[in-house]
Amino acid sequence: MENNENLSDCCKQKKEYKGNNPLMGIAYGLIPHTGCIMFIIATILSSTILIQFFRPLLMNRYIFHYLILISVGFATISSFLYLRKNKSLSLEGIKRKKRYLSIMYGSTVGINLILFIFVFPYIANITGNVSAAEITGASVLSIAVDIPCPGHAPLISNEVKTINGVKGSEYSFPNKFEVYYDASQTSKNEILSLEVFDEYPANVLDEKKNSDYSSSSETEYSKGSCSGGCGGPGTCGGSCGSPTCNYNR
């Protein structure tokens, strides 16, 4: 009889340990963001059909507020069922099960923080996908976009790349984007006329055109070069065999 009681206590402890599994909290943190995650995957895979399907989700300014509430709601329902099953629906019961509750809510909140602070910004830059070679000589448009949280950053990065001539973009927390583009194919006005900026207005911080870079480099060349020979078109005042060259500074 005593052995049966010990076995029963052992089973109860195993069940309670299972209930403390943080995977449930992680699941409740991730499940509400399934649509956003699918949008990101579709963007990376360049699946236009899927992008258009999930795009309206991210065009809602408060979508991530709703999703966080949903994830906390899932955790609350699960905690309620767990406490009721263990006959702990009381202040004392909650105190006894505080380890389970802290793991549940801690995992849920933690997953949301990881998504917003690390995952979404990282994905935004993968979506922007601009190489060092493409940055060289490109025009740069620095903008601050009125996005309520980093969750919308991949949407902005994806939208600007739909314009022919935009090479890519770089996102920096919390709302700054560097858009690299070919000024011969598109312009600042065309970029800022995107529909996404109707919902999330963009404020121009700085603008550098590739002509600025070329004129700058030409000036430096004219100041510091001396390639002329004896009476040649690039001569700097020296004569045949003369080692002197006076730079115009």
C-alpha atoms as a PDB file:
ATOM      1  CA  MET A   1       0.000   0.000   0.000  1.00  0.00           C
ATOM      2  CA  GLU A   2       2.843   2.347   0.924  1.00  0.00           C
ATOM      3  CA  ASN A   3       4.582   1.550  -2.344  1.00  0.00           C
ATOM      4  CA  ASN A   4       1.434   2.522  -4.285  1.00  0.00           C
ATOM      5  CA  GLU A   5       1.274   5.876  -2.475  1.00  0.00           C
ATOM      6  CA  ASN A   6       4.934   6.545  -3.248  1.00  0.00           C
ATOM      7  CA  LEU A   7       4.315   5.670  -6.891  1.00  0.00           C
ATOM      8  CA  SER A   8       1.339   8.040  -6.991  1.00  0.00           C
ATOM      9  CA  ASP A   9       3.411  10.880  -5.487  1.00  0.00           C
ATOM     10  CA  CYS A  10       6.152  10.209  -8.003  1.00  0.00           C
ATOM     11  CA  CYS A  11       3.678  10.436 -10.911  1.00  0.00           C
ATOM     12  CA  LYS A  12       2.285  13.717  -9.564  1.00  0.00           C
ATOM     13  CA  GLN A  13       5.781  15.178  -9.372  1.00  0.00           C
ATOM     14  CA  LYS A  14       6.496  14.127 -12.966  1.00  0.00           C
ATOM     15  CA  LYS A  15       3.269  15.722 -14.166  1.00  0.00           C
ATOM     16  CA  GLU A  16       4.093  18.944 -12.361  1.00  0.00           C
ATOM     17  CA  TYR A  17       7.585  18.935 -13.840  1.00  0.00           C
ATOM     18  CA  LYS A  18       6.053  18.560 -17.302  1.00  0.00           C
ATOM     19  CA  GLY A  19       3.838  21.511 -16.591  1.00  0.00           C
ATOM     20  CA  ASN A  20       6.917  23.613 -15.879  1.00  0.00           C
ATOM     21  CA  ASN A  21       8.261  22.935 -19.372  1.00  0.00           C
ATOM     22  CA  PRO A  22       9.186  26.362 -20.852  1.00  0.00           C
ATOM     23  CA  LEU A  23       8.383  25.080 -24.351  1.00  0.00           C
ATOM     24  CA  MET A  24       4.733  25.951 -23.727  1.00  0.00           C
ATOM     25  CA  GLY A  25       5.636  29.557 -22.990  1.00  0.00           C
ATOM     26  CA  ILE A  26       7.840  29.665 -26.085  1.00  0.00           C
ATOM     27  CA  ALA A  27       4.990  28.277 -28.193  1.00  0.00           C
ATOM     28  CA  TYR A  28       2.560  30.905 -26.845  1.00  0.00           C
ATOM     29  CA  GLY A  29       5.100  33.594 -27.684  1.00  0.00           C
ATOM     30  CA  LEU A  30       5.574  32.343 -31.256  1.00  0.00           C
ATOM     31  CA  ILE A  31       2.126  31.132 -32.357  1.00  0.00           C
ATOM     32  CA  PRO A  32       0.511  34.619 -32.557  1.00  0.00           C
ATOM     33  CA  HIS A  33       3.405  35.780 -34.772  1.00  0.00           C
ATOM     34  CA  THR A  34       2.952  32.959 -37.292  1.00  0.00           C
ATOM     35  CA  GLY A  35       1.622  35.348 -39.956  1.00  0.00           C
ATOM     36  CA  CYS A  36       4.572  37.725 -39.555  1.00  0.00           C
ATOM     37  CA  ILE A  37       7.054  34.860 -39.632  1.00  0.00           C
ATOM     38  CA  MET A  38       5.436  33.534 -42.824  1.00  0.00           C
ATOM     39  CA  PHE A  39       5.700  37.019 -44.356  1.00  0.00           C
ATOM     40  CA  ILE A  40       9.421  37.090 -43.541  1.00  0.00           C
ATOM     41  CA  ILE A  41       9.973  33.623 -45.015  1.00  0.00           C
ATOM     42  CA  ALA A  42       8.036  34.599 -48.130  1.00  0.00           C
ATOM     43  CA  THR A  43      10.132  37.769 -48.472  1.00  0.00           C
ATOM     44  CA  ILE A  44      13.410  35.875 -48.185  1.00  0.00           C
ATOM     45  CA  LEU A  45      12.203  33.311 -50.717  1.00  0.00           C
ATOM     46  CA  SER A  46      10.907  36.132 -52.970  1.00  0.00           C
ATOM     47  CA  SER A  47       7.460  34.549 -53.072  1.00  0.00           C
ATOM     48  CA  THR A  48       5.330  37.445 -54.331  1.00  0.00           C
ATOM     49  CA  ILE A  49       2.012  35.617 -53.835  1.00  0.00           C
ATOM     50  CA  LEU A  50       2.714  34.871 -50.167  1.00  0.00           C
ATOM     51  CA  ILE A  51       4.076  38.379 -49.575  1.00  0.00           C
ATOM     52  CA  GLN A  52       0.873  39.946 -50.882  1.00  0.00           C
ATOM     53  CA  PHE A  53      -1.203  37.556 -48.786  1.00  0.00           C
ATOM     54  CA  PHE A  54       0.454  38.490 -45.475  1.00  0.00           C
ATOM     55  CA  ARG A  55       1.275  42.121 -46.332  1.00  0.00           C
ATOM     56  CA  PRO A  56      -2.080  43.550 -45.094  1.00  0.00           C
ATOM     57  CA  LEU A  57      -1.289  42.065 -41.688  1.00  0.00           C
ATOM     58  CA  LEU A  58       1.803  44.259 -41.286  1.00  0.00           C
ATOM     59  CA  MET A  59       0.076  47.292 -42.787  1.00  0.00           C
ATOM     60  CA  ASN A  60      -1.966  47.454 -39.578  1.00  0.00           C
ATOM     61  CA  ARG A  61      -0.163  49.867 -37.271  1.00  0.00           C
ATOM     62  CA  TYR A  62      -1.253  48.102 -34.092  1.00  0.00           C
ATOM     63  CA  ILE A  63      -0.956  44.495 -35.219  1.00  0.00           C
ATOM     64  CA  PHE A  64       1.966  43.722 -32.902  1.00  0.00           C
ATOM     65  CA  HIS A  65       0.145  45.175 -29.907  1.00  0.00           C
ATOM     66  CA  TYR A  66      -2.689  42.759 -30.644  1.00  0.00           C
ATOM     67  CA  LEU A  67      -0.323  39.832 -31.135  1.00  0.00           C
ATOM     68  CA  ILE A  68       1.418  40.443 -27.805  1.00  0.00           C
ATOM     69  CA  LEU A  69      -1.967  40.563 -26.067  1.00  0.00           C
ATOM     70  CA  ILE A  70      -2.943  37.312 -27.785  1.00  0.00           C
ATOM     71  CA  SER A  71       0.254  35.561 -26.684  1.00  0.00           C
ATOM     72  CA  VAL A  72      -0.217  36.727 -23.080  1.00  0.00           C
ATOM     73  CA  GLY A  73      -3.878  35.645 -23.350  1.00  0.00           C
ATOM     74  CA  PHE A  74      -2.832  32.148 -24.443  1.00  0.00           C
ATOM     75  CA  ALA A  75      -0.445  31.933 -21.502  1.00  0.00           C
ATOM     76  CA  THR A  76      -3.189  33.101 -19.126  1.00  0.00           C
ATOM     77  CA  ILE A  77      -5.707  30.515 -20.382  1.00  0.00           C
ATOM     78  CA  SER A  78      -3.112  27.757 -20.111  1.00  0.00           C
ATOM     79  CA  SER A  79      -2.176  28.870 -16.592  1.00  0.00           C
ATOM     80  CA  PHE A  80      -5.843  28.976 -15.562  1.00  0.00           C
ATOM     81  CA  LEU A  81      -6.437  25.420 -16.802  1.00  0.00           C
ATOM     82  CA  TYR A  82      -3.264  24.223 -15.093  1.00  0.00           C
ATOM     83  CA  LEU A  83      -4.210  25.795 -11.768  1.00  0.00           C
ATOM     84  CA  ARG A  84      -7.762  24.450 -11.948  1.00  0.00           C
ATOM     85  CA  LYS A  85      -6.541  20.955 -12.763  1.00  0.00           C
ATOM     86  CA  ASN A  86      -4.215  21.059  -9.759  1.00  0.00           C
ATOM     87  CA  LYS A  87      -6.907  22.582  -7.522  1.00  0.00           C
ATOM     88  CA  SER A  88      -4.837  25.692  -7.026  1.00  0.00           C
ATOM     89  CA  LEU A  89      -7.285  28.407  -8.102  1.00  0.00           C
ATOM     90  CA  SER A  90      -6.622  30.539  -5.054  1.00  0.00           C
ATOM     91  CA  LEU A  91      -4.083  33.020  -3.797  1.00  0.00           C
ATOM     92  CA  GLU A  92      -2.342  30.286  -1.844  1.00  0.00           C
ATOM     93  CA  GLY A  93      -2.442  27.991  -4.876  1.00  0.00           C
ATOM     94  CA  ILE A  94      -0.897  30.668  -7.072  1.00  0.00           C
ATOM     95  CA  LYS A  95       1.884  31.116  -4.522  1.00  0.00           C
ATOM     96  CA  ARG A  96       2.524  27.369  -4.543  1.00  0.00           C
ATOM     97  CA  LYS A  97       2.663  27.305  -8.338  1.00  0.00           C
ATOM     98  CA  LYS A  98       4.608  30.525  -8.782  1.00  0.00           C
ATOM     99  CA  ARG A  99       7.495  28.633 -10.382  1.00  0.00           C
ATOM    100  CA  TYR A 100       5.229  27.327 -13.129  1.00  0.00           C
ATOM    101  CA  LEU A 101       3.621  30.747 -13.640  1.00  0.00           C
ATOM    102  CA  SER A 102       6.956  32.570 -13.750  1.00  0.00           C
ATOM    103  CA  ILE A 103       8.279  30.123 -16.361  1.00  0.00           C
ATOM    104  CA  MET A 104       5.095  30.396 -18.424  1.00  0.00           C
ATOM    105  CA  TYR A 105       4.893  34.201 -18.490  1.00  0.00           C
ATOM    106  CA  GLY A 106       8.662  34.685 -18.518  1.00  0.00           C
ATOM    107  CA  SER A 107       9.028  32.484 -21.609  1.00  0.00           C
ATOM    108  CA  THR A 108       6.131  34.205 -23.378  1.00  0.00           C
ATOM    109  CA  VAL A 109       7.411  37.728 -22.720  1.00  0.00           C
ATOM    110  CA  GLY A 110      11.008  36.689 -23.400  1.00  0.00           C
ATOM    111  CA  ILE A 111      10.194  35.294 -26.842  1.00  0.00           C
ATOM    112  CA  ASN A 112       8.391  38.500 -27.788  1.00  0.00           C
ATOM    113  CA  LEU A 113      11.368  40.598 -26.670  1.00  0.00           C
ATOM    114  CA  ILE A 114      13.788  38.431 -28.651  1.00  0.00           C
ATOM    115  CA  LEU A 115      11.620  38.807 -31.755  1.00  0.00           C
ATOM    116  CA  PHE A 116      11.383  42.594 -31.507  1.00  0.00           C
ATOM    117  CA  ILE A 117      14.918  43.409 -30.338  1.00  0.00           C
ATOM    118  CA  PHE A 118      16.940  40.871 -32.323  1.00  0.00           C
ATOM    119  CA  VAL A 119      15.021  38.779 -34.884  1.00  0.00           C
ATOM    120  CA  PHE A 120      12.944  41.402 -36.739  1.00  0.00           C
ATOM    121  CA  PRO A 121      15.830  43.932 -37.076  1.00  0.00           C
ATOM    122  CA  TYR A 122      18.134  41.148 -38.295  1.00  0.00           C
ATOM    123  CA  ILE A 123      15.564  39.949 -40.824  1.00  0.00           C
ATOM    124  CA  ALA A 124      14.996  43.536 -42.016  1.00  0.00           C
ATOM    125  CA  ASN A 125      18.653  43.760 -43.026  1.00  0.00           C
ATOM    126  CA  ILE A 126      18.552  40.340 -44.683  1.00  0.00           C
ATOM    127  CA  THR A 127      15.535  41.586 -46.626  1.00  0.00           C
ATOM    128  CA  GLY A 128      17.373  44.813 -47.521  1.00  0.00           C
ATOM    129  CA  ASN A 129      20.293  42.681 -48.720  1.00  0.00           C
ATOM    130  CA  VAL A 130      22.684  45.360 -49.942  1.00  0.00           C
ATOM    131  CA  SER A 131      26.338  44.475 -50.559  1.00  0.00           C
ATOM    132  CA  ALA A 132      29.416  46.654 -50.123  1.00  0.00           C
ATOM    133  CA  ALA A 133      29.874  46.721 -53.909  1.00  0.00           C
ATOM    134  CA  GLU A 134      26.325  48.032 -54.376  1.00  0.00           C
ATOM    135  CA  ILE A 135      26.807  50.708 -51.720  1.00  0.00           C
ATOM    136  CA  THR A 136      29.866  52.095 -53.532  1.00  0.00           C
ATOM    137  CA  GLY A 137      28.789  54.919 -55.798  1.00  0.00           C
ATOM    138  CA  ALA A 138      25.098  54.607 -54.936  1.00  0.00           C
ATOM    139  CA  SER A 139      22.898  57.473 -53.862  1.00  0.00           C
ATOM    140  CA  VAL A 140      21.831  57.263 -50.219  1.00  0.00           C
ATOM    141  CA  LEU A 141      18.540  58.341 -48.706  1.00  0.00           C
ATOM    142  CA  SER A 142      18.461  58.364 -44.899  1.00  0.00           C
ATOM    143  CA  ILE A 143      14.949  58.305 -43.486  1.00  0.00           C
ATOM    144  CA  ALA A 144      13.282  57.915 -40.112  1.00  0.00           C
ATOM    145  CA  VAL A 145      10.060  55.959 -40.537  1.00  0.00           C
ATOM    146  CA  ASP A 146       7.171  56.265 -38.094  1.00  0.00           C
ATOM    147  CA  ILE A 147       6.914  52.544 -37.316  1.00  0.00           C
ATOM    148  CA  PRO A 148       5.524  51.731 -33.855  1.00  0.00           C
ATOM    149  CA  CYS A 149       8.002  48.874 -33.310  1.00  0.00           C
ATOM    150  CA  PRO A 150      10.830  46.976 -35.079  1.00  0.00           C
ATOM    151  CA  GLY A 151       8.327  44.322 -36.132  1.00  0.00           C
ATOM    152  CA  HIS A 152       7.405  46.502 -39.107  1.00  0.00           C
ATOM    153  CA  ALA A 153      11.026  46.966 -40.243  1.00  0.00           C
ATOM    154  CA  PRO A 154      11.019  43.953 -42.639  1.00  0.00           C
ATOM    155  CA  LEU A 155       7.912  45.408 -44.313  1.00  0.00           C
ATOM    156  CA  ILE A 156       9.676  48.731 -45.023  1.00  0.00           C
ATOM    157  CA  SER A 157      12.817  46.958 -46.278  1.00  0.00           C
ATOM    158  CA  ASN A 158      10.748  44.806 -48.602  1.00  0.00           C
ATOM    159  CA  GLU A 159       8.626  47.671 -49.936  1.00  0.00           C
ATOM    160  CA  VAL A 160      11.525  49.935 -50.950  1.00  0.00           C
ATOM    161  CA  LYS A 161      13.107  47.077 -52.894  1.00  0.00           C
ATOM    162  CA  THR A 162      10.028  46.859 -55.129  1.00  0.00           C
ATOM    163  CA  ILE A 163      11.195  50.042 -56.875  1.00  0.00           C
ATOM    164  CA  ASN A 164      13.384  49.513 -59.900  1.00  0.00           C
ATOM    165  CA  GLY A 165      16.749  51.117 -59.177  1.00  0.00           C
ATOM    166  CA  VAL A 166      16.746  50.573 -55.408  1.00  0.00           C
ATOM    167  CA  LYS A 167      19.729  48.385 -54.579  1.00  0.00           C
ATOM    168  CA  GLY A 168      18.735  47.668 -50.989  1.00  0.00           C
ATOM    169  CA  SER A 169      18.554  49.162 -47.518  1.00  0.00           C
ATOM    170  CA  GLU A 170      20.043  49.002 -44.043  1.00  0.00           C
ATOM    171  CA  TYR A 171      17.919  49.219 -40.906  1.00  0.00           C
ATOM    172  CA  SER A 172      19.105  50.483 -37.537  1.00  0.00           C
ATOM    173  CA  PHE A 173      17.105  50.472 -34.318  1.00  0.00           C
ATOM    174  CA  PRO A 174      14.585  51.914 -33.656  1.00  0.00           C
ATOM    175  CA  ASN A 175      13.317  53.359 -36.964  1.00  0.00           C
ATOM    176  CA  LYS A 176      16.162  54.530 -39.213  1.00  0.00           C
ATOM    177  CA  PHE A 177      16.679  53.248 -42.766  1.00  0.00           C
ATOM    178  CA  GLU A 178      19.493  53.906 -45.240  1.00  0.00           C
ATOM    179  CA  VAL A 179      18.120  53.349 -48.740  1.00  0.00           C
ATOM    180  CA  TYR A 180      20.713  52.832 -51.492  1.00  0.00           C
ATOM    181  CA  TYR A 181      19.590  53.531 -55.044  1.00  0.00           C
ATOM    182  CA  ASP A 182      20.704  54.371 -58.566  1.00  0.00           C
ATOM    183  CA  ALA A 183      19.770  58.022 -59.176  1.00  0.00           C
ATOM    184  CA  SER A 184      19.624  57.410 -62.925  1.00  0.00           C
ATOM    185  CA  GLN A 185      16.757  54.934 -62.446  1.00  0.00           C
ATOM    186  CA  THR A 186      14.741  56.309 -59.531  1.00  0.00           C
ATOM    187  CA  SER A 187      14.521  59.275 -57.184  1.00  0.00           C
ATOM    188  CA  LYS A 188      13.816  60.309 -53.614  1.00  0.00           C
ATOM    189  CA  ASN A 189      10.286  61.361 -54.546  1.00  0.00           C
ATOM    190  CA  GLU A 190       9.484  58.007 -56.129  1.00  0.00           C
ATOM    191  CA  ILE A 191      10.747  56.145 -53.074  1.00  0.00           C
ATOM    192  CA  LEU A 192       8.769  58.312 -50.667  1.00  0.00           C
ATOM    193  CA  SER A 193       5.607  57.956 -52.774  1.00  0.00           C
ATOM    194  CA  LEU A 194       5.280  54.270 -51.827  1.00  0.00           C
ATOM    195  CA  GLU A 195       1.939  53.306 -50.310  1.00  0.00           C
ATOM    196  CA  VAL A 196       3.622  52.025 -47.162  1.00  0.00           C
ATOM    197  CA  PHE A 197       4.703  55.576 -46.302  1.00  0.00           C
ATOM    198  CA  ASP A 198       1.072  56.676 -46.254  1.00  0.00           C
ATOM    199  CA  GLU A 199       0.563  54.442 -43.230  1.00  0.00           C
ATOM    200  CA  TYR A 200       4.064  54.921 -41.810  1.00  0.00           C
ATOM    201  CA  PRO A 201       5.243  58.452 -42.731  1.00  0.00           C
ATOM    202  CA  ALA A 202       8.944  58.897 -43.481  1.00  0.00           C
ATOM    203  CA  ASN A 203      11.024  61.901 -42.466  1.00  0.00           C
ATOM    204  CA  VAL A 204      14.131  62.571 -44.580  1.00  0.00           C
ATOM    205  CA  LEU A 205      17.243  62.853 -42.407  1.00  0.00           C
ATOM    206  CA  ASP A 206      19.878  63.139 -45.116  1.00  0.00           C
ATOM    207  CA  GLU A 207      20.338  62.647 -48.852  1.00  0.00           C
ATOM    208  CA  LYS A 208      23.531  62.014 -50.780  1.00  0.00           C
ATOM    209  CA  LYS A 209      23.458  61.564 -54.533  1.00  0.00           C
ATOM    210  CA  ASN A 210      26.107  59.608 -56.386  1.00  0.00           C
ATOM    211  CA  SER A 211      26.874  62.786 -58.351  1.00  0.00           C
ATOM    212  CA  ASP A 212      28.078  64.249 -55.044  1.00  0.00           C
ATOM    213  CA  TYR A 213      30.626  61.443 -54.786  1.00  0.00           C
ATOM    214  CA  SER A 214      31.785  61.735 -58.396  1.00  0.00           C
ATOM    215  CA  SER A 215      32.214  65.531 -58.284  1.00  0.00           C
ATOM    216  CA  SER A 216      34.093  65.169 -55.005  1.00  0.00           C
ATOM    217  CA  SER A 217      36.466  62.586 -56.433  1.00  0.00           C
ATOM    218  CA  GLU A 218      37.056  64.688 -59.559  1.00  0.00           C
ATOM    219  CA  THR A 219      37.990  67.673 -57.386  1.00  0.00           C
ATOM    220  CA  GLU A 220      40.478  65.586 -55.444  1.00  0.00           C
ATOM    221  CA  TYR A 221      41.939  64.280 -58.697  1.00  0.00           C
ATOM    222  CA  SER A 222      42.395  67.769 -60.144  1.00  0.00           C
ATOM    223  CA  LYS A 223      44.046  68.932 -56.936  1.00  0.00           C
ATOM    224  CA  GLY A 224      46.508  66.128 -56.480  1.00  0.00           C
ATOM    225  CA  SER A 225      47.315  64.747 -59.936  1.00  0.00           C
ATOM    226  CA  CYS A 226      50.077  65.577 -62.343  1.00  0.00           C
ATOM    227  CA  SER A 227      50.174  63.314 -65.367  1.00  0.00           C
ATOM    228  CA  GLY A 228      51.335  65.694 -68.085  1.00  0.00           C
ATOM    229  CA  GLY A 229      54.605  65.270 -69.929  1.00  0.00           C
ATOM    230  CA  CYS A 230      56.668  67.698 -71.937  1.00  0.00           C
ATOM    231  CA  GLY A 231      54.148  70.296 -73.018  1.00  0.00           C
ATOM    232  CA  GLY A 232      51.359  67.736 -72.707  1.00  0.00           C
ATOM    233  CA  PRO A 233      47.741  68.611 -71.909  1.00  0.00           C
ATOM    234  CA  GLY A 234      48.128  67.597 -68.284  1.00  0.00           C
ATOM    235  CA  THR A 235      51.333  69.482 -67.608  1.00  0.00           C
ATOM    236  CA  CYS A 236      51.639  71.355 -64.297  1.00  0.00           C
ATOM    237  CA  GLY A 237      54.072  73.964 -65.411  1.00  0.00           C
ATOM    238  CA  GLY A 238      57.191  71.819 -65.503  1.00  0.00           C
ATOM    239  CA  SER A 239      59.440  71.530 -68.527  1.00  0.00           C
ATOM    240  CA  CYS A 240      61.095  68.502 -70.111  1.00  0.00           C
ATOM    241  CA  GLY A 241      62.970  66.665 -67.440  1.00  0.00           C
ATOM    242  CA  SER A 242      61.763  69.008 -64.719  1.00  0.00           C
ATOM    243  CA  PRO A 243      60.869  67.111 -61.501  1.00  0.00           C
ATOM    244  CA  THR A 244      58.874  69.983 -60.085  1.00  0.00           C
ATOM    245  CA  CYS A 245      55.096  70.076 -60.057  1.00  0.00           C
ATOM    246  CA  ASN A 246      53.111  72.732 -58.293  1.00  0.00           C
ATOM    247  CA  TYR A 247      49.685  71.436 -57.182  1.00  0.00           C
ATOM    248  CA  ASN A 248      46.726  73.764 -57.277  1.00  0.00           C
ATOM    249  CA  ARG A 249      45.273  73.588 -53.777  1.00  0.00           C
END
